[in-house]
């Protein structure tokens, strides 16, 4: 898990698919921002720069990722 920077509305979600284990915690926490690939089950970022209203859910997703594949910059 990596949370860098301050909540400014300019945050960007970065997913390292090669680190993803397909646990789906990100999708559970923020389903409008994350999804999983149909074939491999790995993370897909639907909104690289999610609106500020989704900030808490995105932070929860980053925090709960068991493989540390998500970064909020």
C-alpha atoms as a PDB file:
ATOM      1  CA  UNK A   1       0.000   0.000   0.000  1.00  0.00           C
ATOM      2  CA  UNK A   2       1.259   3.423  -0.864  1.00  0.00           C
ATOM      3  CA  UNK A   3      -0.448   6.729  -0.202  1.00  0.00           C
ATOM      4  CA  UNK A   4       1.659   9.646  -1.332  1.00  0.00           C
ATOM      5  CA  UNK A   5       0.757  13.314  -1.491  1.00  0.00           C
ATOM      6  CA  UNK A   6      -2.170  15.128   0.025  1.00  0.00           C
ATOM      7  CA  UNK A   7      -5.833  14.946  -0.901  1.00  0.00           C
ATOM      8  CA  UNK A   8      -6.098  17.772  -3.371  1.00  0.00           C
ATOM      9  CA  UNK A   9      -8.518  16.546  -6.009  1.00  0.00           C
ATOM     10  CA  UNK A  10      -5.543  16.097  -8.324  1.00  0.00           C
ATOM     11  CA  UNK A  11      -4.708  12.607  -7.124  1.00  0.00           C
ATOM     12  CA  UNK A  12      -4.013   9.881  -9.637  1.00  0.00           C
ATOM     13  CA  UNK A  13      -4.527   6.160  -9.162  1.00  0.00           C
ATOM     14  CA  UNK A  14      -1.748   3.889 -10.417  1.00  0.00           C
ATOM     15  CA  UNK A  15      -2.103   0.108 -10.555  1.00  0.00           C
ATOM     16  CA  UNK A  16       0.801  -2.273 -11.049  1.00  0.00           C
ATOM     17  CA  UNK A  17      -0.928  -5.205 -12.718  1.00  0.00           C
ATOM     18  CA  UNK A  18       2.195  -7.345 -12.443  1.00  0.00           C
ATOM     19  CA  UNK A  19       1.895  -7.125  -8.621  1.00  0.00           C
ATOM     20  CA  UNK A  20      -1.881  -7.689  -8.497  1.00  0.00           C
ATOM     21  CA  UNK A  21      -3.062 -11.027  -7.084  1.00  0.00           C
ATOM     22  CA  UNK A  22      -6.709 -10.573  -8.100  1.00  0.00           C
ATOM     23  CA  UNK A  23      -8.119 -10.414  -4.548  1.00  0.00           C
ATOM     24  CA  UNK A  24     -10.731  -7.844  -5.619  1.00  0.00           C
ATOM     25  CA  UNK A  25     -10.576  -5.721  -2.464  1.00  0.00           C
ATOM     26  CA  UNK A  26     -10.228  -2.601  -4.605  1.00  0.00           C
ATOM     27  CA  UNK A  27     -13.438  -3.380  -6.469  1.00  0.00           C
ATOM     28  CA  UNK A  28     -15.302  -3.942  -3.208  1.00  0.00           C
ATOM     29  CA  UNK A  29     -14.049  -0.642  -1.779  1.00  0.00           C
ATOM     30  CA  UNK A  30     -14.444   1.547  -4.884  1.00  0.00           C
ATOM     31  CA  UNK A  31     -16.430  -0.163  -7.662  1.00  0.00           C
ATOM     32  CA  UNK A  32     -16.738   2.994  -9.754  1.00  0.00           C
ATOM     33  CA  UNK A  33     -12.953   3.372  -9.854  1.00  0.00           C
ATOM     34  CA  UNK A  34     -11.730  -0.249 -10.085  1.00  0.00           C
ATOM     35  CA  UNK A  35     -12.733  -3.428 -11.868  1.00  0.00           C
ATOM     36  CA  UNK A  36     -11.121  -6.772 -12.588  1.00  0.00           C
ATOM     37  CA  UNK A  37     -10.217  -8.176 -15.979  1.00  0.00           C
ATOM     38  CA  UNK A  38     -12.578 -10.902 -17.162  1.00  0.00           C
ATOM     39  CA  UNK A  39      -9.796 -13.195 -18.353  1.00  0.00           C
ATOM     40  CA  UNK A  40      -7.115 -12.742 -15.697  1.00  0.00           C
ATOM     41  CA  UNK A  41      -8.982 -11.189 -12.739  1.00  0.00           C
ATOM     42  CA  UNK A  42      -6.337  -8.496 -12.370  1.00  0.00           C
ATOM     43  CA  UNK A  43      -7.067  -4.898 -11.430  1.00  0.00           C
ATOM     44  CA  UNK A  44      -8.337  -2.448 -14.014  1.00  0.00           C
ATOM     45  CA  UNK A  45      -8.449   1.263 -13.233  1.00  0.00           C
ATOM     46  CA  UNK A  46     -11.687   2.747 -14.566  1.00  0.00           C
ATOM     47  CA  UNK A  47     -10.983   6.307 -13.389  1.00  0.00           C
ATOM     48  CA  UNK A  48      -7.309   7.258 -13.180  1.00  0.00           C
ATOM     49  CA  UNK A  49      -8.230  10.618 -11.635  1.00  0.00           C
ATOM     50  CA  UNK A  50     -11.359   9.893  -9.604  1.00  0.00           C
ATOM     51  CA  UNK A  51     -13.485  12.770  -8.320  1.00  0.00           C
ATOM     52  CA  UNK A  52     -12.841  14.067  -4.804  1.00  0.00           C
ATOM     53  CA  UNK A  53     -16.155  12.565  -3.715  1.00  0.00           C
ATOM     54  CA  UNK A  54     -14.608   9.091  -4.154  1.00  0.00           C
ATOM     55  CA  UNK A  55     -11.416   9.932  -2.245  1.00  0.00           C
ATOM     56  CA  UNK A  56     -12.228   7.943   0.904  1.00  0.00           C
ATOM     57  CA  UNK A  57     -13.244   4.842  -1.056  1.00  0.00           C
ATOM     58  CA  UNK A  58     -10.100   5.011  -3.189  1.00  0.00           C
ATOM     59  CA  UNK A  59      -7.898   5.382  -0.116  1.00  0.00           C
ATOM     60  CA  UNK A  60      -9.627   2.354   1.410  1.00  0.00           C
ATOM     61  CA  UNK A  61      -8.958   0.392  -1.781  1.00  0.00           C
ATOM     62  CA  UNK A  62      -5.271   1.334  -1.774  1.00  0.00           C
ATOM     63  CA  UNK A  63      -4.945   0.508   1.929  1.00  0.00           C
ATOM     64  CA  UNK A  64      -6.706  -2.851   1.616  1.00  0.00           C
ATOM     65  CA  UNK A  65      -4.803  -4.135  -1.428  1.00  0.00           C
ATOM     66  CA  UNK A  66      -3.014  -7.266  -0.153  1.00  0.00           C
ATOM     67  CA  UNK A  67      -0.276  -7.117  -2.799  1.00  0.00           C
ATOM     68  CA  UNK A  68       0.421  -3.391  -2.631  1.00  0.00           C
ATOM     69  CA  UNK A  69      -0.362  -3.036  -6.318  1.00  0.00           C
ATOM     70  CA  UNK A  70      -2.165   0.301  -5.922  1.00  0.00           C
ATOM     71  CA  UNK A  71      -0.683   3.747  -5.442  1.00  0.00           C
ATOM     72  CA  UNK A  72      -2.416   7.075  -4.983  1.00  0.00           C
ATOM     73  CA  UNK A  73      -0.207   9.934  -6.142  1.00  0.00           C
END
